[in-house]
Amino acid sequence: MDIFTIFPTISTSFIVISAILVAIGWAQIIKGKRKEHEKTMIAGAIAALLFFIIYMSRTVFVGNTAWGGPDDLKLYYQVFLIFHITLATVAAVFGLTTLTLAFKKNFGKHRKWGRVTAVTWFFTAITGVAVYVLLYVLYPGGHTKPVIDAIFGF
């Protein structure tokens, strides 16, 4: 594996780990295991944060991967990618809101937000893995210029 594939593999792994932890945390709260739920959900949030840090670092210093598949699928991929990015952004905001409600001990609202947040995060994780498979397994693409190079004119 080279620098262009190791970071996406690691960051996508953190998305999957985060979604698994959210599912475990949801099961724990259903069983009334509040302390375990809290620890598991914090671990899930940390895994999501690690994904974001790795993703942004790669974008800034290495660059993203351009579509490498057939031209007739490019538009479908781009629409799917926009859907995934939008969903991920919404899930991040929902996640921060849900965590804030929990830390403020507003468990009534936390419970309502948590259900929607978890489902949104599951779809984000699934679509994130699909993007990874499309870009690095099925149709390996080229790499764009790192943002830092574009900013400083390298």
N, C-alpha and C. Protein backbone atom coordinates (compact mmCIF):
# COMPACT_ATOMS: atom_id res chain seq x y z
N MET A 1 0.83 -1.18 0.00
CA MET A 1 0.00 0.00 0.00
C MET A 1 0.87 1.25 0.00
N ASP A 2 0.45 2.24 -0.77
CA ASP A 2 1.20 3.48 -0.82
C ASP A 2 0.47 4.56 -0.03
N ILE A 3 1.05 5.75 0.01
CA ILE A 3 0.49 6.87 0.78
C ILE A 3 -0.91 7.25 0.29
N PHE A 4 -1.20 6.97 -0.99
CA PHE A 4 -2.48 7.35 -1.55
C PHE A 4 -3.61 6.40 -1.13
N THR A 5 -3.26 5.20 -0.69
CA THR A 5 -4.31 4.25 -0.29
C THR A 5 -4.30 3.93 1.20
N ILE A 6 -3.17 4.11 1.89
CA ILE A 6 -3.12 3.76 3.31
C ILE A 6 -4.02 4.68 4.15
N PHE A 7 -3.98 5.99 3.90
CA PHE A 7 -4.82 6.91 4.68
C PHE A 7 -6.32 6.67 4.46
N PRO A 8 -6.78 6.50 3.21
CA PRO A 8 -8.20 6.20 3.02
C PRO A 8 -8.62 4.88 3.67
N THR A 9 -7.73 3.90 3.65
CA THR A 9 -8.05 2.61 4.27
C THR A 9 -8.20 2.77 5.78
N ILE A 10 -7.27 3.49 6.38
CA ILE A 10 -7.33 3.71 7.83
C ILE A 10 -8.55 4.55 8.19
N SER A 11 -8.78 5.64 7.46
CA SER A 11 -9.90 6.52 7.83
C SER A 11 -11.24 5.80 7.63
N THR A 12 -11.36 5.01 6.58
CA THR A 12 -12.61 4.26 6.36
C THR A 12 -12.79 3.22 7.46
N SER A 13 -11.70 2.65 7.92
CA SER A 13 -11.79 1.70 9.04
C SER A 13 -12.36 2.37 10.28
N PHE A 14 -11.97 3.62 10.51
CA PHE A 14 -12.50 4.35 11.67
C PHE A 14 -13.99 4.65 11.52
N ILE A 15 -14.46 4.86 10.29
CA ILE A 15 -15.90 5.04 10.07
C ILE A 15 -16.63 3.76 10.48
N VAL A 16 -16.13 2.63 10.03
CA VAL A 16 -16.76 1.34 10.33
C VAL A 16 -16.72 1.07 11.83
N ILE A 17 -15.57 1.29 12.46
CA ILE A 17 -15.45 1.09 13.91
C ILE A 17 -16.45 1.98 14.65
N SER A 18 -16.55 3.22 14.22
CA SER A 18 -17.48 4.15 14.86
C SER A 18 -18.93 3.65 14.75
N ALA A 19 -19.32 3.22 13.56
CA ALA A 19 -20.69 2.73 13.37
C ALA A 19 -20.96 1.47 14.21
N ILE A 20 -19.98 0.59 14.29
CA ILE A 20 -20.14 -0.61 15.12
C ILE A 20 -20.29 -0.21 16.59
N LEU A 21 -19.49 0.73 17.05
CA LEU A 21 -19.60 1.19 18.44
C LEU A 21 -20.95 1.85 18.71
N VAL A 22 -21.45 2.61 17.75
CA VAL A 22 -22.78 3.22 17.92
C VAL A 22 -23.85 2.13 18.04
N ALA A 23 -23.75 1.10 17.22
CA ALA A 23 -24.72 -0.01 17.29
C ALA A 23 -24.63 -0.72 18.64
N ILE A 24 -23.41 -0.96 19.11
CA ILE A 24 -23.23 -1.59 20.43
C ILE A 24 -23.79 -0.69 21.53
N GLY A 25 -23.49 0.61 21.44
CA GLY A 25 -23.99 1.55 22.44
C GLY A 25 -25.51 1.62 22.47
N TRP A 26 -26.12 1.56 21.30
CA TRP A 26 -27.58 1.56 21.22
C TRP A 26 -28.14 0.32 21.92
N ALA A 27 -27.54 -0.84 21.65
CA ALA A 27 -27.99 -2.08 22.30
C ALA A 27 -27.81 -1.99 23.81
N GLN A 28 -26.72 -1.37 24.24
CA GLN A 28 -26.47 -1.25 25.68
C GLN A 28 -27.53 -0.40 26.37
N ILE A 29 -27.93 0.70 25.76
CA ILE A 29 -28.91 1.56 26.42
C ILE A 29 -30.28 0.90 26.44
N ILE A 30 -30.58 0.13 25.41
CA ILE A 30 -31.85 -0.62 25.40
C ILE A 30 -31.90 -1.59 26.58
N LYS A 31 -30.74 -2.15 26.92
CA LYS A 31 -30.64 -3.10 28.04
C LYS A 31 -30.49 -2.38 29.38
N GLY A 32 -30.48 -1.04 29.37
CA GLY A 32 -30.38 -0.27 30.60
C GLY A 32 -28.96 -0.13 31.14
N LYS A 33 -27.97 -0.42 30.34
CA LYS A 33 -26.57 -0.33 30.76
C LYS A 33 -26.05 1.08 30.45
N ARG A 34 -26.40 2.03 31.28
CA ARG A 34 -26.10 3.44 31.00
C ARG A 34 -24.62 3.76 31.00
N LYS A 35 -23.87 3.28 31.98
CA LYS A 35 -22.43 3.59 32.05
C LYS A 35 -21.70 3.00 30.84
N GLU A 36 -22.03 1.75 30.51
CA GLU A 36 -21.40 1.11 29.35
C GLU A 36 -21.76 1.86 28.07
N HIS A 37 -23.04 2.28 27.97
CA HIS A 37 -23.51 3.05 26.82
C HIS A 37 -22.70 4.33 26.67
N GLU A 38 -22.53 5.04 27.77
CA GLU A 38 -21.79 6.30 27.74
C GLU A 38 -20.35 6.08 27.24
N LYS A 39 -19.67 5.10 27.78
CA LYS A 39 -18.28 4.83 27.39
C LYS A 39 -18.19 4.41 25.92
N THR A 40 -19.12 3.57 25.49
CA THR A 40 -19.10 3.08 24.11
C THR A 40 -19.39 4.20 23.14
N MET A 41 -20.34 5.06 23.46
CA MET A 41 -20.68 6.16 22.56
C MET A 41 -19.55 7.19 22.49
N ILE A 42 -18.88 7.43 23.59
CA ILE A 42 -17.73 8.33 23.56
C ILE A 42 -16.63 7.72 22.68
N ALA A 43 -16.42 6.42 22.81
CA ALA A 43 -15.43 5.75 21.96
C ALA A 43 -15.83 5.85 20.49
N GLY A 44 -17.13 5.72 20.21
CA GLY A 44 -17.62 5.87 18.84
C GLY A 44 -17.38 7.28 18.31
N ALA A 45 -17.58 8.27 19.16
CA ALA A 45 -17.34 9.66 18.77
C ALA A 45 -15.84 9.90 18.52
N ILE A 46 -15.00 9.30 19.34
CA ILE A 46 -13.56 9.43 19.14
C ILE A 46 -13.14 8.79 17.82
N ALA A 47 -13.69 7.62 17.52
CA ALA A 47 -13.38 6.96 16.25
C ALA A 47 -13.81 7.84 15.07
N ALA A 48 -14.98 8.47 15.19
CA ALA A 48 -15.45 9.38 14.13
C ALA A 48 -14.52 10.59 14.00
N LEU A 49 -14.07 11.11 15.13
CA LEU A 49 -13.14 12.24 15.12
C LEU A 49 -11.80 11.84 14.49
N LEU A 50 -11.31 10.65 14.80
CA LEU A 50 -10.07 10.17 14.19
C LEU A 50 -10.22 10.05 12.68
N PHE A 51 -11.39 9.56 12.23
CA PHE A 51 -11.65 9.53 10.80
C PHE A 51 -11.49 10.93 10.21
N PHE A 52 -12.15 11.90 10.83
CA PHE A 52 -12.15 13.26 10.30
C PHE A 52 -10.74 13.85 10.26
N ILE A 53 -9.97 13.63 11.32
CA ILE A 53 -8.60 14.15 11.37
C ILE A 53 -7.76 13.54 10.25
N ILE A 54 -7.85 12.23 10.07
CA ILE A 54 -7.07 11.56 9.02
C ILE A 54 -7.54 12.02 7.65
N TYR A 55 -8.85 12.11 7.46
CA TYR A 55 -9.40 12.54 6.17
C TYR A 55 -8.93 13.96 5.82
N MET A 56 -9.04 14.87 6.77
CA MET A 56 -8.64 16.25 6.51
C MET A 56 -7.13 16.37 6.30
N SER A 57 -6.35 15.62 7.06
CA SER A 57 -4.90 15.63 6.88
C SER A 57 -4.53 15.16 5.49
N ARG A 58 -5.17 14.10 5.04
CA ARG A 58 -4.90 13.58 3.70
C ARG A 58 -5.30 14.60 2.65
N THR A 59 -6.44 15.24 2.83
CA THR A 59 -6.91 16.23 1.86
C THR A 59 -5.92 17.40 1.78
N VAL A 60 -5.44 17.85 2.91
CA VAL A 60 -4.55 19.00 2.94
C VAL A 60 -3.15 18.65 2.42
N PHE A 61 -2.59 17.52 2.85
CA PHE A 61 -1.19 17.23 2.57
C PHE A 61 -0.94 16.27 1.40
N VAL A 62 -1.90 15.39 1.11
CA VAL A 62 -1.70 14.40 0.05
C VAL A 62 -2.60 14.69 -1.15
N GLY A 63 -3.83 15.07 -0.88
CA GLY A 63 -4.81 15.29 -1.94
C GLY A 63 -5.86 14.20 -1.92
N ASN A 64 -6.93 14.43 -2.61
CA ASN A 64 -7.98 13.44 -2.71
C ASN A 64 -7.78 12.60 -3.97
N THR A 65 -8.62 11.62 -4.14
CA THR A 65 -8.52 10.73 -5.28
C THR A 65 -9.58 11.10 -6.30
N ALA A 66 -9.16 11.25 -7.53
CA ALA A 66 -10.09 11.56 -8.62
C ALA A 66 -10.78 10.27 -9.08
N TRP A 67 -11.96 10.40 -9.64
CA TRP A 67 -12.71 9.26 -10.16
C TRP A 67 -11.88 8.55 -11.22
N GLY A 68 -11.75 7.23 -11.09
CA GLY A 68 -10.96 6.45 -12.03
C GLY A 68 -11.79 5.50 -12.86
N GLY A 69 -13.09 5.54 -12.66
CA GLY A 69 -13.97 4.62 -13.38
C GLY A 69 -14.37 5.14 -14.75
N PRO A 70 -15.27 4.41 -15.39
CA PRO A 70 -15.73 4.81 -16.72
C PRO A 70 -16.44 6.16 -16.69
N ASP A 71 -16.27 6.92 -17.77
CA ASP A 71 -16.88 8.25 -17.85
C ASP A 71 -18.40 8.19 -17.75
N ASP A 72 -19.02 7.12 -18.25
CA ASP A 72 -20.49 7.05 -18.21
C ASP A 72 -21.02 6.83 -16.79
N LEU A 73 -20.16 6.48 -15.82
CA LEU A 73 -20.57 6.33 -14.42
C LEU A 73 -20.18 7.53 -13.56
N LYS A 74 -19.39 8.43 -14.11
CA LYS A 74 -18.85 9.54 -13.33
C LYS A 74 -19.95 10.41 -12.72
N LEU A 75 -20.96 10.76 -13.49
CA LEU A 75 -22.04 11.61 -12.97
C LEU A 75 -22.77 10.90 -11.82
N TYR A 76 -23.02 9.60 -11.96
CA TYR A 76 -23.69 8.84 -10.89
C TYR A 76 -22.83 8.83 -9.62
N TYR A 77 -21.52 8.64 -9.82
CA TYR A 77 -20.59 8.66 -8.68
C TYR A 77 -20.61 10.03 -8.01
N GLN A 78 -20.55 11.10 -8.79
CA GLN A 78 -20.51 12.44 -8.22
C GLN A 78 -21.79 12.75 -7.43
N VAL A 79 -22.94 12.35 -7.95
CA VAL A 79 -24.20 12.55 -7.23
C VAL A 79 -24.18 11.75 -5.93
N PHE A 80 -23.71 10.51 -6.01
CA PHE A 80 -23.61 9.67 -4.81
C PHE A 80 -22.65 10.29 -3.80
N LEU A 81 -21.51 10.81 -4.27
CA LEU A 81 -20.53 11.43 -3.38
C LEU A 81 -21.11 12.66 -2.70
N ILE A 82 -21.83 13.48 -3.45
CA ILE A 82 -22.47 14.67 -2.86
C ILE A 82 -23.48 14.24 -1.79
N PHE A 83 -24.25 13.19 -2.08
CA PHE A 83 -25.20 12.66 -1.10
C PHE A 83 -24.45 12.22 0.16
N HIS A 84 -23.35 11.49 -0.01
CA HIS A 84 -22.57 11.01 1.13
C HIS A 84 -22.00 12.18 1.95
N ILE A 85 -21.43 13.16 1.27
CA ILE A 85 -20.83 14.30 1.98
C ILE A 85 -21.90 15.07 2.75
N THR A 86 -23.05 15.28 2.13
CA THR A 86 -24.15 15.97 2.80
C THR A 86 -24.62 15.17 4.01
N LEU A 87 -24.80 13.87 3.83
CA LEU A 87 -25.23 13.00 4.92
C LEU A 87 -24.20 13.00 6.06
N ALA A 88 -22.92 12.95 5.71
CA ALA A 88 -21.87 12.96 6.72
C ALA A 88 -21.86 14.27 7.51
N THR A 89 -22.08 15.37 6.82
CA THR A 89 -22.13 16.68 7.48
C THR A 89 -23.31 16.75 8.44
N VAL A 90 -24.46 16.31 7.98
CA VAL A 90 -25.66 16.29 8.84
C VAL A 90 -25.41 15.37 10.03
N ALA A 91 -24.84 14.19 9.78
CA ALA A 91 -24.58 13.24 10.86
C ALA A 91 -23.61 13.83 11.89
N ALA A 92 -22.61 14.57 11.43
CA ALA A 92 -21.65 15.19 12.36
C ALA A 92 -22.34 16.21 13.25
N VAL A 93 -23.18 17.05 12.65
CA VAL A 93 -23.91 18.05 13.44
C VAL A 93 -24.86 17.36 14.41
N PHE A 94 -25.57 16.35 13.93
CA PHE A 94 -26.47 15.59 14.80
C PHE A 94 -25.69 14.93 15.93
N GLY A 95 -24.52 14.37 15.60
CA GLY A 95 -23.70 13.71 16.62
C GLY A 95 -23.25 14.67 17.70
N LEU A 96 -22.78 15.84 17.29
CA LEU A 96 -22.36 16.84 18.28
C LEU A 96 -23.54 17.30 19.14
N THR A 97 -24.69 17.46 18.51
CA THR A 97 -25.90 17.85 19.24
C THR A 97 -26.29 16.77 20.25
N THR A 98 -26.28 15.53 19.81
CA THR A 98 -26.66 14.41 20.67
C THR A 98 -25.70 14.29 21.85
N LEU A 99 -24.41 14.41 21.58
CA LEU A 99 -23.42 14.35 22.67
C LEU A 99 -23.60 15.51 23.65
N THR A 100 -23.83 16.70 23.12
CA THR A 100 -24.04 17.87 23.98
C THR A 100 -25.25 17.67 24.89
N LEU A 101 -26.32 17.16 24.32
CA LEU A 101 -27.52 16.91 25.13
C LEU A 101 -27.24 15.89 26.24
N ALA A 102 -26.44 14.88 25.92
CA ALA A 102 -26.11 13.87 26.94
C ALA A 102 -25.26 14.48 28.05
N PHE A 103 -24.24 15.28 27.66
CA PHE A 103 -23.37 15.88 28.67
C PHE A 103 -24.12 16.89 29.54
N LYS A 104 -25.17 17.51 28.97
CA LYS A 104 -25.99 18.44 29.75
C LYS A 104 -27.08 17.71 30.53
N LYS A 105 -27.10 16.39 30.39
CA LYS A 105 -28.06 15.51 31.08
C LYS A 105 -29.51 15.80 30.67
N ASN A 106 -29.69 16.24 29.45
CA ASN A 106 -31.03 16.44 28.89
C ASN A 106 -31.40 15.15 28.15
N PHE A 107 -31.69 14.11 28.93
CA PHE A 107 -31.84 12.77 28.35
C PHE A 107 -33.11 12.58 27.53
N GLY A 108 -34.14 13.38 27.79
CA GLY A 108 -35.35 13.30 26.97
C GLY A 108 -35.05 13.66 25.52
N LYS A 109 -34.41 14.82 25.33
CA LYS A 109 -34.04 15.24 23.97
C LYS A 109 -32.92 14.38 23.42
N HIS A 110 -31.99 13.98 24.27
CA HIS A 110 -30.88 13.13 23.84
C HIS A 110 -31.42 11.83 23.24
N ARG A 111 -32.41 11.25 23.88
CA ARG A 111 -33.00 9.99 23.41
C ARG A 111 -33.60 10.18 22.02
N LYS A 112 -34.34 11.28 21.82
CA LYS A 112 -34.97 11.53 20.52
C LYS A 112 -33.92 11.79 19.44
N TRP A 113 -32.96 12.64 19.74
CA TRP A 113 -31.89 12.94 18.78
C TRP A 113 -31.04 11.71 18.51
N GLY A 114 -30.78 10.94 19.55
CA GLY A 114 -29.90 9.78 19.43
C GLY A 114 -30.36 8.76 18.41
N ARG A 115 -31.64 8.50 18.39
CA ARG A 115 -32.17 7.53 17.43
C ARG A 115 -31.93 7.99 16.00
N VAL A 116 -32.25 9.23 15.73
CA VAL A 116 -32.08 9.78 14.37
C VAL A 116 -30.60 9.86 14.03
N THR A 117 -29.80 10.29 14.99
CA THR A 117 -28.36 10.41 14.77
C THR A 117 -27.74 9.06 14.45
N ALA A 118 -28.10 8.04 15.20
CA ALA A 118 -27.53 6.71 14.97
C ALA A 118 -27.87 6.19 13.58
N VAL A 119 -29.12 6.30 13.19
CA VAL A 119 -29.53 5.82 11.88
C VAL A 119 -28.82 6.62 10.78
N THR A 120 -28.74 7.92 10.97
CA THR A 120 -28.05 8.76 9.99
C THR A 120 -26.58 8.36 9.90
N TRP A 121 -25.96 8.07 11.04
CA TRP A 121 -24.55 7.66 11.03
C TRP A 121 -24.37 6.30 10.36
N PHE A 122 -25.31 5.39 10.55
CA PHE A 122 -25.21 4.09 9.88
C PHE A 122 -25.21 4.27 8.37
N PHE A 123 -26.11 5.09 7.86
CA PHE A 123 -26.15 5.34 6.42
C PHE A 123 -24.89 6.07 5.95
N THR A 124 -24.37 6.97 6.77
CA THR A 124 -23.12 7.65 6.44
C THR A 124 -21.98 6.64 6.33
N ALA A 125 -21.90 5.73 7.28
CA ALA A 125 -20.85 4.72 7.26
C ALA A 125 -20.96 3.82 6.03
N ILE A 126 -22.17 3.39 5.73
CA ILE A 126 -22.39 2.52 4.57
C ILE A 126 -22.00 3.23 3.28
N THR A 127 -22.44 4.47 3.13
CA THR A 127 -22.10 5.21 1.90
C THR A 127 -20.61 5.54 1.87
N GLY A 128 -20.00 5.77 3.02
CA GLY A 128 -18.56 6.02 3.08
C GLY A 128 -17.76 4.80 2.63
N VAL A 129 -18.17 3.63 3.05
CA VAL A 129 -17.50 2.41 2.61
C VAL A 129 -17.72 2.21 1.10
N ALA A 130 -18.91 2.53 0.62
CA ALA A 130 -19.18 2.42 -0.82
C ALA A 130 -18.27 3.35 -1.62
N VAL A 131 -18.07 4.58 -1.14
CA VAL A 131 -17.16 5.52 -1.81
C VAL A 131 -15.74 4.94 -1.82
N TYR A 132 -15.32 4.39 -0.70
CA TYR A 132 -13.99 3.78 -0.61
C TYR A 132 -13.84 2.64 -1.63
N VAL A 133 -14.83 1.76 -1.68
CA VAL A 133 -14.78 0.63 -2.61
C VAL A 133 -14.73 1.12 -4.06
N LEU A 134 -15.54 2.13 -4.37
CA LEU A 134 -15.54 2.66 -5.73
C LEU A 134 -14.20 3.29 -6.11
N LEU A 135 -13.58 4.03 -5.19
CA LEU A 135 -12.35 4.76 -5.50
C LEU A 135 -11.06 3.95 -5.35
N TYR A 136 -11.07 2.93 -4.51
CA TYR A 136 -9.82 2.24 -4.22
C TYR A 136 -9.83 0.76 -4.54
N VAL A 137 -11.00 0.19 -4.79
CA VAL A 137 -11.08 -1.24 -5.09
C VAL A 137 -11.55 -1.46 -6.53
N LEU A 138 -12.74 -0.94 -6.85
CA LEU A 138 -13.30 -1.18 -8.19
C LEU A 138 -12.66 -0.32 -9.27
N TYR A 139 -12.51 0.96 -9.00
CA TYR A 139 -12.02 1.91 -10.01
C TYR A 139 -10.94 2.82 -9.44
N PRO A 140 -9.76 2.28 -9.14
CA PRO A 140 -8.72 3.15 -8.59
C PRO A 140 -8.45 4.35 -9.50
N GLY A 141 -8.46 5.50 -8.90
CA GLY A 141 -8.34 6.73 -9.68
C GLY A 141 -7.02 7.43 -9.48
N GLY A 142 -6.94 8.58 -10.09
CA GLY A 142 -5.75 9.42 -9.95
C GLY A 142 -5.86 10.28 -8.71
N HIS A 143 -4.83 11.01 -8.44
CA HIS A 143 -4.80 11.83 -7.23
C HIS A 143 -4.72 13.30 -7.61
N THR A 144 -5.48 14.09 -6.90
CA THR A 144 -5.47 15.52 -7.15
C THR A 144 -4.37 16.18 -6.33
N LYS A 145 -4.20 17.43 -6.56
CA LYS A 145 -3.18 18.21 -5.86
C LYS A 145 -3.62 18.41 -4.40
N PRO A 146 -2.68 18.29 -3.47
CA PRO A 146 -3.01 18.59 -2.08
C PRO A 146 -3.46 20.05 -1.93
N VAL A 147 -4.39 20.29 -1.05
CA VAL A 147 -4.91 21.63 -0.81
C VAL A 147 -3.79 22.58 -0.42
N ILE A 148 -2.88 22.11 0.41
CA ILE A 148 -1.79 22.98 0.87
C ILE A 148 -0.94 23.45 -0.32
N ASP A 149 -0.73 22.58 -1.31
CA ASP A 149 0.02 22.96 -2.51
C ASP A 149 -0.76 23.99 -3.33
N ALA A 150 -2.06 23.76 -3.42
CA ALA A 150 -2.89 24.70 -4.18
C ALA A 150 -2.91 26.08 -3.52
N ILE A 151 -2.96 26.11 -2.19
CA ILE A 151 -3.00 27.38 -1.47
C ILE A 151 -1.69 28.15 -1.63
N PHE A 152 -0.57 27.46 -1.49
CA PHE A 152 0.73 28.13 -1.51
C PHE A 152 1.39 28.13 -2.88
N GLY A 153 0.70 27.59 -3.90
CA GLY A 153 1.19 27.65 -5.27
C GLY A 153 2.35 26.74 -5.58
N PHE A 154 2.46 25.63 -4.86
CA PHE A 154 3.54 24.68 -5.14
C PHE A 154 3.26 23.89 -6.40
